[in-house]
Amino acid sequence: MTNAGNTKWYYDVATGQVTEGPESGWDNRMGPYDTREEAENALKLAAERNAAADAADKAWED
């Protein structure tokens, strides 16, 4: 499948599945992501972003 630039990928936290387009409800869905690979790594990306935000908060407090 070719990506014409408008395909978005989502990660469903309830099922652990990656979908093309928003197939699940918003409360279980992470995304949109530009690539399937980004969606597959949604939990890792979220953890990295949370760690960076926590570090920034700590630096601001100090």
C-alpha atoms as a PDB file:
ATOM      1  CA  MET A   1       0.000   0.000   0.000  1.00  0.00           C
ATOM      2  CA  THR A   2       1.287   3.444  -0.823  1.00  0.00           C
ATOM      3  CA  ASN A   3       0.807   6.369   1.480  1.00  0.00           C
ATOM      4  CA  ALA A   4      -0.452   9.345  -0.480  1.00  0.00           C
ATOM      5  CA  GLY A   5       0.381  11.576   2.472  1.00  0.00           C
ATOM      6  CA  ASN A   6      -3.063  11.469   4.032  1.00  0.00           C
ATOM      7  CA  THR A   7      -3.081   8.054   5.712  1.00  0.00           C
ATOM      8  CA  LYS A   8      -2.998   8.273   9.494  1.00  0.00           C
ATOM      9  CA  TRP A   9      -2.257   5.427  11.869  1.00  0.00           C
ATOM     10  CA  TYR A  10      -3.581   4.843  15.373  1.00  0.00           C
ATOM     11  CA  TYR A  11      -2.740   2.623  18.320  1.00  0.00           C
ATOM     12  CA  ASP A  12      -5.593   1.040  20.280  1.00  0.00           C
ATOM     13  CA  VAL A  13      -4.531   0.702  23.915  1.00  0.00           C
ATOM     14  CA  ALA A  14      -7.368  -1.740  24.679  1.00  0.00           C
ATOM     15  CA  THR A  15      -6.366  -4.262  22.022  1.00  0.00           C
ATOM     16  CA  GLY A  16      -2.735  -3.380  21.317  1.00  0.00           C
ATOM     17  CA  GLN A  17      -3.540  -3.209  17.612  1.00  0.00           C
ATOM     18  CA  VAL A  18      -2.472  -0.619  15.082  1.00  0.00           C
ATOM     19  CA  THR A  19      -5.160   0.550  12.691  1.00  0.00           C
ATOM     20  CA  GLU A  20      -5.230   2.613   9.561  1.00  0.00           C
ATOM     21  CA  GLY A  21      -7.701   5.317  10.421  1.00  0.00           C
ATOM     22  CA  PRO A  22      -9.566   5.889  13.687  1.00  0.00           C
ATOM     23  CA  GLU A  23     -11.411   2.587  14.079  1.00  0.00           C
ATOM     24  CA  SER A  24     -11.686   2.569  17.880  1.00  0.00           C
ATOM     25  CA  GLY A  25     -13.247   5.063  20.252  1.00  0.00           C
ATOM     26  CA  TRP A  26     -11.262   8.136  21.268  1.00  0.00           C
ATOM     27  CA  ASP A  27     -10.859   6.893  24.850  1.00  0.00           C
ATOM     28  CA  ASN A  28      -8.775   3.885  23.719  1.00  0.00           C
ATOM     29  CA  ARG A  29      -7.013   5.507  20.783  1.00  0.00           C
ATOM     30  CA  MET A  30      -3.576   7.105  20.537  1.00  0.00           C
ATOM     31  CA  GLY A  31      -2.671   9.078  17.464  1.00  0.00           C
ATOM     32  CA  PRO A  32      -2.770  10.065  14.739  1.00  0.00           C
ATOM     33  CA  TYR A  33       0.696   9.027  13.648  1.00  0.00           C
ATOM     34  CA  ASP A  34       2.144   9.536  10.193  1.00  0.00           C
ATOM     35  CA  THR A  35       3.559   6.021   9.896  1.00  0.00           C
ATOM     36  CA  ARG A  36       2.595   2.540  11.016  1.00  0.00           C
ATOM     37  CA  GLU A  37       5.947   2.249  12.801  1.00  0.00           C
ATOM     38  CA  GLU A  38       5.238   5.360  14.893  1.00  0.00           C
ATOM     39  CA  ALA A  39       1.848   3.922  15.879  1.00  0.00           C
ATOM     40  CA  GLU A  40       3.443   0.576  16.777  1.00  0.00           C
ATOM     41  CA  ASN A  41       5.769   2.467  19.135  1.00  0.00           C
ATOM     42  CA  ALA A  42       3.040   4.690  20.608  1.00  0.00           C
ATOM     43  CA  LEU A  43       3.525   3.538  24.197  1.00  0.00           C
ATOM     44  CA  LYS A  44       7.309   3.923  23.979  1.00  0.00           C
ATOM     45  CA  LEU A  45       6.961   7.395  22.455  1.00  0.00           C
ATOM     46  CA  ALA A  46       4.498   8.417  25.185  1.00  0.00           C
ATOM     47  CA  ALA A  47       6.845   7.151  27.911  1.00  0.00           C
ATOM     48  CA  GLU A  48       9.771   9.073  26.394  1.00  0.00           C
ATOM     49  CA  ARG A  49       7.706  12.265  26.138  1.00  0.00           C
ATOM     50  CA  ASN A  50       6.470  11.873  29.710  1.00  0.00           C
ATOM     51  CA  ALA A  51      10.033  11.399  30.978  1.00  0.00           C
ATOM     52  CA  ALA A  52      11.174  14.503  29.108  1.00  0.00           C
ATOM     53  CA  ALA A  53       8.280  16.532  30.501  1.00  0.00           C
ATOM     54  CA  ASP A  54       8.982  15.276  34.038  1.00  0.00           C
ATOM     55  CA  ALA A  55      12.642  16.254  33.669  1.00  0.00           C
ATOM     56  CA  ALA A  56      11.665  19.711  32.412  1.00  0.00           C
ATOM     57  CA  ASP A  57       9.284  20.155  35.355  1.00  0.00           C
ATOM     58  CA  LYS A  58      12.009  19.128  37.800  1.00  0.00           C
ATOM     59  CA  ALA A  59      14.509  21.503  36.200  1.00  0.00           C
ATOM     60  CA  TRP A  60      11.996  24.349  36.362  1.00  0.00           C
ATOM     61  CA  GLU A  61      11.279  23.644  40.043  1.00  0.00           C
ATOM     62  CA  ASP A  62      14.991  23.607  40.946  1.00  0.00           C
END
